[in-house]
Amino acid sequence: MTPEVWQYFQAKYQDCRWRVVPGHWPDFKTTAEVDRWFEMRERLMKSMLEETEKELIQGTSDIKPRGVLQGK
């Protein structure tokens, strides 16, 4: 990864809402690759949240809202 692409990646990564284990990202060649990777990650996160919300509404999720396990 060139220093320019690394700098671009770092700037975008600092502004995102999620984290990746350091070093577990692709060896980006261009800023366009960085943009594409962030787009894919955002879509994945959105899809996962939508699916979890749907399961919670239907009562089919293993995830329990806070207080449920404590009997509140």
PDB file of N, CA and C in Angstrom:
ATOM      1  N   MET A   1       0.859  -1.170   0.000  1.00  0.00           N
ATOM      2  CA  MET A   1       0.000   0.000   0.000  1.00  0.00           C
ATOM      3  C   MET A   1       0.905   1.233   0.000  1.00  0.00           C
ATOM      4  N   THR A   2       0.605   2.148  -0.881  1.00  0.00           N
ATOM      5  CA  THR A   2       1.426   3.362  -0.940  1.00  0.00           C
ATOM      6  C   THR A   2       1.110   4.237   0.281  1.00  0.00           C
ATOM      7  N   PRO A   3       2.027   5.124   0.638  1.00  0.00           N
ATOM      8  CA  PRO A   3       1.765   6.021   1.766  1.00  0.00           C
ATOM      9  C   PRO A   3       0.497   6.859   1.577  1.00  0.00           C
ATOM     10  N   GLU A   4       0.226   7.267   0.338  1.00  0.00           N
ATOM     11  CA  GLU A   4      -0.968   8.074   0.071  1.00  0.00           C
ATOM     12  C   GLU A   4      -2.250   7.264   0.306  1.00  0.00           C
ATOM     13  N   VAL A   5      -2.256   6.035  -0.167  1.00  0.00           N
ATOM     14  CA  VAL A   5      -3.425   5.170   0.010  1.00  0.00           C
ATOM     15  C   VAL A   5      -3.596   4.843   1.504  1.00  0.00           C
ATOM     16  N   TRP A   6      -2.496   4.582   2.199  1.00  0.00           N
ATOM     17  CA  TRP A   6      -2.541   4.302   3.631  1.00  0.00           C
ATOM     18  C   TRP A   6      -3.132   5.499   4.402  1.00  0.00           C
ATOM     19  N   GLN A   7      -2.705   6.683   4.056  1.00  0.00           N
ATOM     20  CA  GLN A   7      -3.208   7.889   4.699  1.00  0.00           C
ATOM     21  C   GLN A   7      -4.718   8.050   4.441  1.00  0.00           C
ATOM     22  N   TYR A   8      -5.125   7.794   3.214  1.00  0.00           N
ATOM     23  CA  TYR A   8      -6.531   7.871   2.840  1.00  0.00           C
ATOM     24  C   TYR A   8      -7.344   6.852   3.640  1.00  0.00           C
ATOM     25  N   PHE A   9      -6.831   5.620   3.707  1.00  0.00           N
ATOM     26  CA  PHE A   9      -7.486   4.572   4.479  1.00  0.00           C
ATOM     27  C   PHE A   9      -7.621   4.980   5.946  1.00  0.00           C
ATOM     28  N   GLN A  10      -6.546   5.462   6.537  1.00  0.00           N
ATOM     29  CA  GLN A  10      -6.559   5.862   7.947  1.00  0.00           C
ATOM     30  C   GLN A  10      -7.606   6.938   8.225  1.00  0.00           C
ATOM     31  N   ALA A  11      -7.706   7.909   7.338  1.00  0.00           N
ATOM     32  CA  ALA A  11      -8.690   8.987   7.513  1.00  0.00           C
ATOM     33  C   ALA A  11     -10.113   8.436   7.489  1.00  0.00           C
ATOM     34  N   LYS A  12     -10.402   7.532   6.555  1.00  0.00           N
ATOM     35  CA  LYS A  12     -11.742   6.943   6.466  1.00  0.00           C
ATOM     36  C   LYS A  12     -12.014   6.032   7.667  1.00  0.00           C
ATOM     37  N   TYR A  13     -11.010   5.296   8.079  1.00  0.00           N
ATOM     38  CA  TYR A  13     -11.161   4.348   9.183  1.00  0.00           C
ATOM     39  C   TYR A  13     -11.449   5.075  10.494  1.00  0.00           C
ATOM     40  N   GLN A  14     -10.823   6.195  10.701  1.00  0.00           N
ATOM     41  CA  GLN A  14     -11.057   6.962  11.925  1.00  0.00           C
ATOM     42  C   GLN A  14     -12.496   7.451  12.021  1.00  0.00           C
ATOM     43  N   ASP A  15     -13.143   7.681  10.887  1.00  0.00           N
ATOM     44  CA  ASP A  15     -14.498   8.201  10.865  1.00  0.00           C
ATOM     45  C   ASP A  15     -15.581   7.126  10.849  1.00  0.00           C
ATOM     46  N   CYS A  16     -15.206   5.862  10.712  1.00  0.00           N
ATOM     47  CA  CYS A  16     -16.225   4.817  10.615  1.00  0.00           C
ATOM     48  C   CYS A  16     -16.712   4.388  12.002  1.00  0.00           C
ATOM     49  N   ARG A  17     -17.858   3.687  12.015  1.00  0.00           N
ATOM     50  CA  ARG A  17     -18.503   3.289  13.266  1.00  0.00           C
ATOM     51  C   ARG A  17     -18.109   1.893  13.739  1.00  0.00           C
ATOM     52  N   TRP A  18     -17.257   1.206  13.037  1.00  0.00           N
ATOM     53  CA  TRP A  18     -16.885  -0.156  13.373  1.00  0.00           C
ATOM     54  C   TRP A  18     -15.361  -0.295  13.328  1.00  0.00           C
ATOM     55  N   ARG A  19     -14.850  -1.375  13.868  1.00  0.00           N
ATOM     56  CA  ARG A  19     -13.403  -1.612  13.910  1.00  0.00           C
ATOM     57  C   ARG A  19     -13.077  -3.005  13.397  1.00  0.00           C
ATOM     58  N   VAL A  20     -11.844  -3.158  12.944  1.00  0.00           N
ATOM     59  CA  VAL A  20     -11.311  -4.423  12.455  1.00  0.00           C
ATOM     60  C   VAL A  20     -10.023  -4.678  13.229  1.00  0.00           C
ATOM     61  N   VAL A  21      -9.724  -5.938  13.486  1.00  0.00           N
ATOM     62  CA  VAL A  21      -8.464  -6.266  14.151  1.00  0.00           C
ATOM     63  C   VAL A  21      -7.334  -5.648  13.332  1.00  0.00           C
ATOM     64  N   PRO A  22      -6.463  -4.868  13.980  1.00  0.00           N
ATOM     65  CA  PRO A  22      -5.380  -4.206  13.222  1.00  0.00           C
ATOM     66  C   PRO A  22      -4.616  -5.185  12.325  1.00  0.00           C
ATOM     67  N   GLY A  23      -4.426  -4.757  11.094  1.00  0.00           N
ATOM     68  CA  GLY A  23      -3.712  -5.565  10.107  1.00  0.00           C
ATOM     69  C   GLY A  23      -4.592  -6.507   9.302  1.00  0.00           C
ATOM     70  N   HIS A  24      -5.867  -6.624   9.659  1.00  0.00           N
ATOM     71  CA  HIS A  24      -6.777  -7.529   8.957  1.00  0.00           C
ATOM     72  C   HIS A  24      -7.605  -6.788   7.912  1.00  0.00           C
ATOM     73  N   TRP A  25      -6.947  -5.987   7.128  1.00  0.00           N
ATOM     74  CA  TRP A  25      -7.588  -5.315   6.005  1.00  0.00           C
ATOM     75  C   TRP A  25      -6.761  -5.597   4.763  1.00  0.00           C
ATOM     76  N   PRO A  26      -7.338  -5.457   3.605  1.00  0.00           N
ATOM     77  CA  PRO A  26      -6.612  -5.752   2.363  1.00  0.00           C
ATOM     78  C   PRO A  26      -5.416  -4.828   2.138  1.00  0.00           C
ATOM     79  N   ASP A  27      -4.533  -5.257   1.269  1.00  0.00           N
ATOM     80  CA  ASP A  27      -3.412  -4.417   0.838  1.00  0.00           C
ATOM     81  C   ASP A  27      -3.923  -3.598  -0.340  1.00  0.00           C
ATOM     82  N   PHE A  28      -4.546  -2.473  -0.027  1.00  0.00           N
ATOM     83  CA  PHE A  28      -5.180  -1.646  -1.052  1.00  0.00           C
ATOM     84  C   PHE A  28      -4.156  -1.066  -2.015  1.00  0.00           C
ATOM     85  N   LYS A  29      -4.520  -1.070  -3.285  1.00  0.00           N
ATOM     86  CA  LYS A  29      -3.645  -0.488  -4.314  1.00  0.00           C
ATOM     87  C   LYS A  29      -4.063   0.935  -4.663  1.00  0.00           C
ATOM     88  N   THR A  30      -5.383   1.213  -4.526  1.00  0.00           N
ATOM     89  CA  THR A  30      -5.901   2.524  -4.906  1.00  0.00           C
ATOM     90  C   THR A  30      -6.908   3.010  -3.864  1.00  0.00           C
ATOM     91  N   THR A  31      -7.197   4.304  -3.928  1.00  0.00           N
ATOM     92  CA  THR A  31      -8.224   4.847  -3.039  1.00  0.00           C
ATOM     93  C   THR A  31      -9.605   4.315  -3.432  1.00  0.00           C
ATOM     94  N   ALA A  32      -9.787   3.986  -4.699  1.00  0.00           N
ATOM     95  CA  ALA A  32     -11.061   3.402  -5.135  1.00  0.00           C
ATOM     96  C   ALA A  32     -11.287   2.043  -4.456  1.00  0.00           C
ATOM     97  N   GLU A  33     -10.232   1.257  -4.288  1.00  0.00           N
ATOM     98  CA  GLU A  33     -10.344  -0.014  -3.578  1.00  0.00           C
ATOM     99  C   GLU A  33     -10.722   0.221  -2.121  1.00  0.00           C
ATOM    100  N   VAL A  34     -10.158   1.248  -1.514  1.00  0.00           N
ATOM    101  CA  VAL A  34     -10.493   1.607  -0.134  1.00  0.00           C
ATOM    102  C   VAL A  34     -11.982   1.941  -0.050  1.00  0.00           C
ATOM    103  N   ASP A  35     -12.440   2.795  -0.953  1.00  0.00           N
ATOM    104  CA  ASP A  35     -13.848   3.190  -0.970  1.00  0.00           C
ATOM    105  C   ASP A  35     -14.762   1.978  -1.122  1.00  0.00           C
ATOM    106  N   ARG A  36     -14.424   1.089  -2.017  1.00  0.00           N
ATOM    107  CA  ARG A  36     -15.237  -0.112  -2.271  1.00  0.00           C
ATOM    108  C   ARG A  36     -15.298  -0.991  -1.027  1.00  0.00           C
ATOM    109  N   TRP A  37     -14.169  -1.166  -0.343  1.00  0.00           N
ATOM    110  CA  TRP A  37     -14.106  -1.983   0.863  1.00  0.00           C
ATOM    111  C   TRP A  37     -15.007  -1.398   1.948  1.00  0.00           C
ATOM    112  N   PHE A  38     -14.949  -0.081   2.130  1.00  0.00           N
ATOM    113  CA  PHE A  38     -15.799   0.568   3.117  1.00  0.00           C
ATOM    114  C   PHE A  38     -17.279   0.445   2.743  1.00  0.00           C
ATOM    115  N   GLU A  39     -17.603   0.582   1.481  1.00  0.00           N
ATOM    116  CA  GLU A  39     -18.990   0.408   1.025  1.00  0.00           C
ATOM    117  C   GLU A  39     -19.497  -0.991   1.356  1.00  0.00           C
ATOM    118  N   MET A  40     -18.687  -1.997   1.066  1.00  0.00           N
ATOM    119  CA  MET A  40     -19.089  -3.379   1.326  1.00  0.00           C
ATOM    120  C   MET A  40     -19.273  -3.621   2.822  1.00  0.00           C
ATOM    121  N   ARG A  41     -18.378  -3.100   3.639  1.00  0.00           N
ATOM    122  CA  ARG A  41     -18.485  -3.268   5.091  1.00  0.00           C
ATOM    123  C   ARG A  41     -19.744  -2.581   5.625  1.00  0.00           C
ATOM    124  N   GLU A  42     -20.025  -1.391   5.132  1.00  0.00           N
ATOM    125  CA  GLU A  42     -21.222  -0.671   5.574  1.00  0.00           C
ATOM    126  C   GLU A  42     -22.490  -1.426   5.184  1.00  0.00           C
ATOM    127  N   ARG A  43     -22.525  -1.976   3.969  1.00  0.00           N
ATOM    128  CA  ARG A  43     -23.684  -2.763   3.534  1.00  0.00           C
ATOM    129  C   ARG A  43     -23.864  -4.002   4.406  1.00  0.00           C
ATOM    130  N   LEU A  44     -22.759  -4.657   4.727  1.00  0.00           N
ATOM    131  CA  LEU A  44     -22.803  -5.846   5.579  1.00  0.00           C
ATOM    132  C   LEU A  44     -23.355  -5.495   6.954  1.00  0.00           C
ATOM    133  N   MET A  45     -22.855  -4.423   7.549  1.00  0.00           N
ATOM    134  CA  MET A  45     -23.319  -4.012   8.869  1.00  0.00           C
ATOM    135  C   MET A  45     -24.816  -3.666   8.836  1.00  0.00           C
ATOM    136  N   LYS A  46     -25.236  -2.937   7.818  1.00  0.00           N
ATOM    137  CA  LYS A  46     -26.644  -2.559   7.686  1.00  0.00           C
ATOM    138  C   LYS A  46     -27.519  -3.799   7.549  1.00  0.00           C
ATOM    139  N   SER A  47     -27.096  -4.734   6.730  1.00  0.00           N
ATOM    140  CA  SER A  47     -27.853  -5.965   6.518  1.00  0.00           C
ATOM    141  C   SER A  47     -27.967  -6.769   7.811  1.00  0.00           C
ATOM    142  N   MET A  48     -26.866  -6.872   8.535  1.00  0.00           N
ATOM    143  CA  MET A  48     -26.885  -7.617   9.796  1.00  0.00           C
ATOM    144  C   MET A  48     -27.819  -6.956  10.810  1.00  0.00           C
ATOM    145  N   LEU A  49     -27.775  -5.642  10.899  1.00  0.00           N
ATOM    146  CA  LEU A  49     -28.642  -4.932  11.840  1.00  0.00           C
ATOM    147  C   LEU A  49     -30.106  -5.078  11.459  1.00  0.00           C
ATOM    148  N   GLU A  50     -30.413  -4.990  10.168  1.00  0.00           N
ATOM    149  CA  GLU A  50     -31.793  -5.154   9.714  1.00  0.00           C
ATOM    150  C   GLU A  50     -32.306  -6.558  10.012  1.00  0.00           C
ATOM    151  N   GLU A  51     -31.485  -7.558   9.771  1.00  0.00           N
ATOM    152  CA  GLU A  51     -31.889  -8.941  10.032  1.00  0.00           C
ATOM    153  C   GLU A  51     -32.109  -9.173  11.518  1.00  0.00           C
ATOM    154  N   THR A  52     -31.217  -8.642  12.350  1.00  0.00           N
ATOM    155  CA  THR A  52     -31.360  -8.797  13.796  1.00  0.00           C
ATOM    156  C   THR A  52     -32.622  -8.097  14.288  1.00  0.00           C
ATOM    157  N   GLU A  53     -32.896  -6.893  13.776  1.00  0.00           N
ATOM    158  CA  GLU A  53     -34.101  -6.173  14.156  1.00  0.00           C
ATOM    159  C   GLU A  53     -35.350  -6.970  13.772  1.00  0.00           C
ATOM    160  N   LYS A  54     -35.344  -7.538  12.584  1.00  0.00           N
ATOM    161  CA  LYS A  54     -36.474  -8.348  12.113  1.00  0.00           C
ATOM    162  C   LYS A  54     -36.694  -9.551  13.033  1.00  0.00           C
ATOM    163  N   GLU A  55     -35.602 -10.217  13.405  1.00  0.00           N
ATOM    164  CA  GLU A  55     -35.706 -11.378  14.296  1.00  0.00           C
ATOM    165  C   GLU A  55     -36.210 -10.968  15.677  1.00  0.00           C
ATOM    166  N   LEU A  56     -35.768  -9.822  16.170  1.00  0.00           N
ATOM    167  CA  LEU A  56     -36.233  -9.353  17.475  1.00  0.00           C
ATOM    168  C   LEU A  56     -37.735  -9.075  17.453  1.00  0.00           C
ATOM    169  N   ILE A  57     -38.210  -8.462  16.380  1.00  0.00           N
ATOM    170  CA  ILE A  57     -39.636  -8.160  16.241  1.00  0.00           C
ATOM    171  C   ILE A  57     -40.451  -9.445  16.162  1.00  0.00           C
ATOM    172  N   GLN A  58     -39.926 -10.432  15.431  1.00  0.00           N
ATOM    173  CA  GLN A  58     -40.646 -11.704  15.267  1.00  0.00           C
ATOM    174  C   GLN A  58     -40.485 -12.621  16.470  1.00  0.00           C
ATOM    175  N   GLY A  59     -39.540 -12.298  17.342  1.00  0.00           N
ATOM    176  CA  GLY A  59     -39.297 -13.146  18.510  1.00  0.00           C
ATOM    177  C   GLY A  59     -38.495 -14.385  18.202  1.00  0.00           C
ATOM    178  N   THR A  60     -37.761 -14.390  17.080  1.00  0.00           N
ATOM    179  CA  THR A  60     -36.988 -15.571  16.688  1.00  0.00           C
ATOM    180  C   THR A  60     -35.494 -15.396  16.926  1.00  0.00           C
ATOM    181  N   SER A  61     -35.106 -14.312  17.578  1.00  0.00           N
ATOM    182  CA  SER A  61     -33.690 -14.036  17.799  1.00  0.00           C
ATOM    183  C   SER A  61     -33.205 -14.628  19.114  1.00  0.00           C
ATOM    184  N   ASP A  62     -31.949 -15.038  19.134  1.00  0.00           N
ATOM    185  CA  ASP A  62     -31.319 -15.483  20.375  1.00  0.00           C
ATOM    186  C   ASP A  62     -30.841 -14.287  21.201  1.00  0.00           C
ATOM    187  N   ILE A  63     -30.845 -13.114  20.596  1.00  0.00           N
ATOM    188  CA  ILE A  63     -30.414 -11.900  21.283  1.00  0.00           C
ATOM    189  C   ILE A  63     -31.572 -11.397  22.126  1.00  0.00           C
ATOM    190  N   LYS A  64     -31.299 -11.111  23.378  1.00  0.00           N
ATOM    191  CA  LYS A  64     -32.334 -10.609  24.271  1.00  0.00           C
ATOM    192  C   LYS A  64     -32.033  -9.172  24.657  1.00  0.00           C
ATOM    193  N   PRO A  65     -33.061  -8.320  24.666  1.00  0.00           N
ATOM    194  CA  PRO A  65     -32.853  -6.930  25.087  1.00  0.00           C
ATOM    195  C   PRO A  65     -32.367  -6.897  26.538  1.00  0.00           C
ATOM    196  N   ARG A  66     -31.667  -5.831  26.889  1.00  0.00           N
ATOM    197  CA  ARG A  66     -31.181  -5.683  28.267  1.00  0.00           C
ATOM    198  C   ARG A  66     -32.335  -5.805  29.257  1.00  0.00           C
ATOM    199  N   GLY A  67     -32.069  -6.448  30.370  1.00  0.00           N
ATOM    200  CA  GLY A  67     -33.066  -6.586  31.418  1.00  0.00           C
ATOM    201  C   GLY A  67     -33.867  -7.876  31.320  1.00  0.00           C
ATOM    202  N   VAL A  68     -33.955  -8.468  30.140  1.00  0.00           N
ATOM    203  CA  VAL A  68     -34.745  -9.689  29.965  1.00  0.00           C
ATOM    204  C   VAL A  68     -34.137 -10.840  30.754  1.00  0.00           C
ATOM    205  N   LEU A  69     -32.815 -10.987  30.666  1.00  0.00           N
ATOM    206  CA  LEU A  69     -32.164 -12.099  31.353  1.00  0.00           C
ATOM    207  C   LEU A  69     -32.176 -11.899  32.865  1.00  0.00           C
ATOM    208  N   GLN A  70     -32.259 -10.651  33.319  1.00  0.00           N
ATOM    209  CA  GLN A  70     -32.274 -10.368  34.735  1.00  0.00           C
ATOM    210  C   GLN A  70     -33.699 -10.416  35.299  1.00  0.00           C
ATOM    211  N   GLY A  71     -34.682 -10.677  34.462  1.00  0.00           N
ATOM    212  CA  GLY A  71     -36.063 -10.770  34.904  1.00  0.00           C
ATOM    213  C   GLY A  71     -36.714  -9.424  35.130  1.00  0.00           C
ATOM    214  N   LYS A  72     -36.200  -8.383  34.516  1.00  0.00           N
ATOM    215  CA  LYS A  72     -36.765  -7.037  34.705  1.00  0.00           C
ATOM    216  C   LYS A  72     -37.828  -6.766  33.664  1.00  0.00           C
TER     217      LYS A  72
END
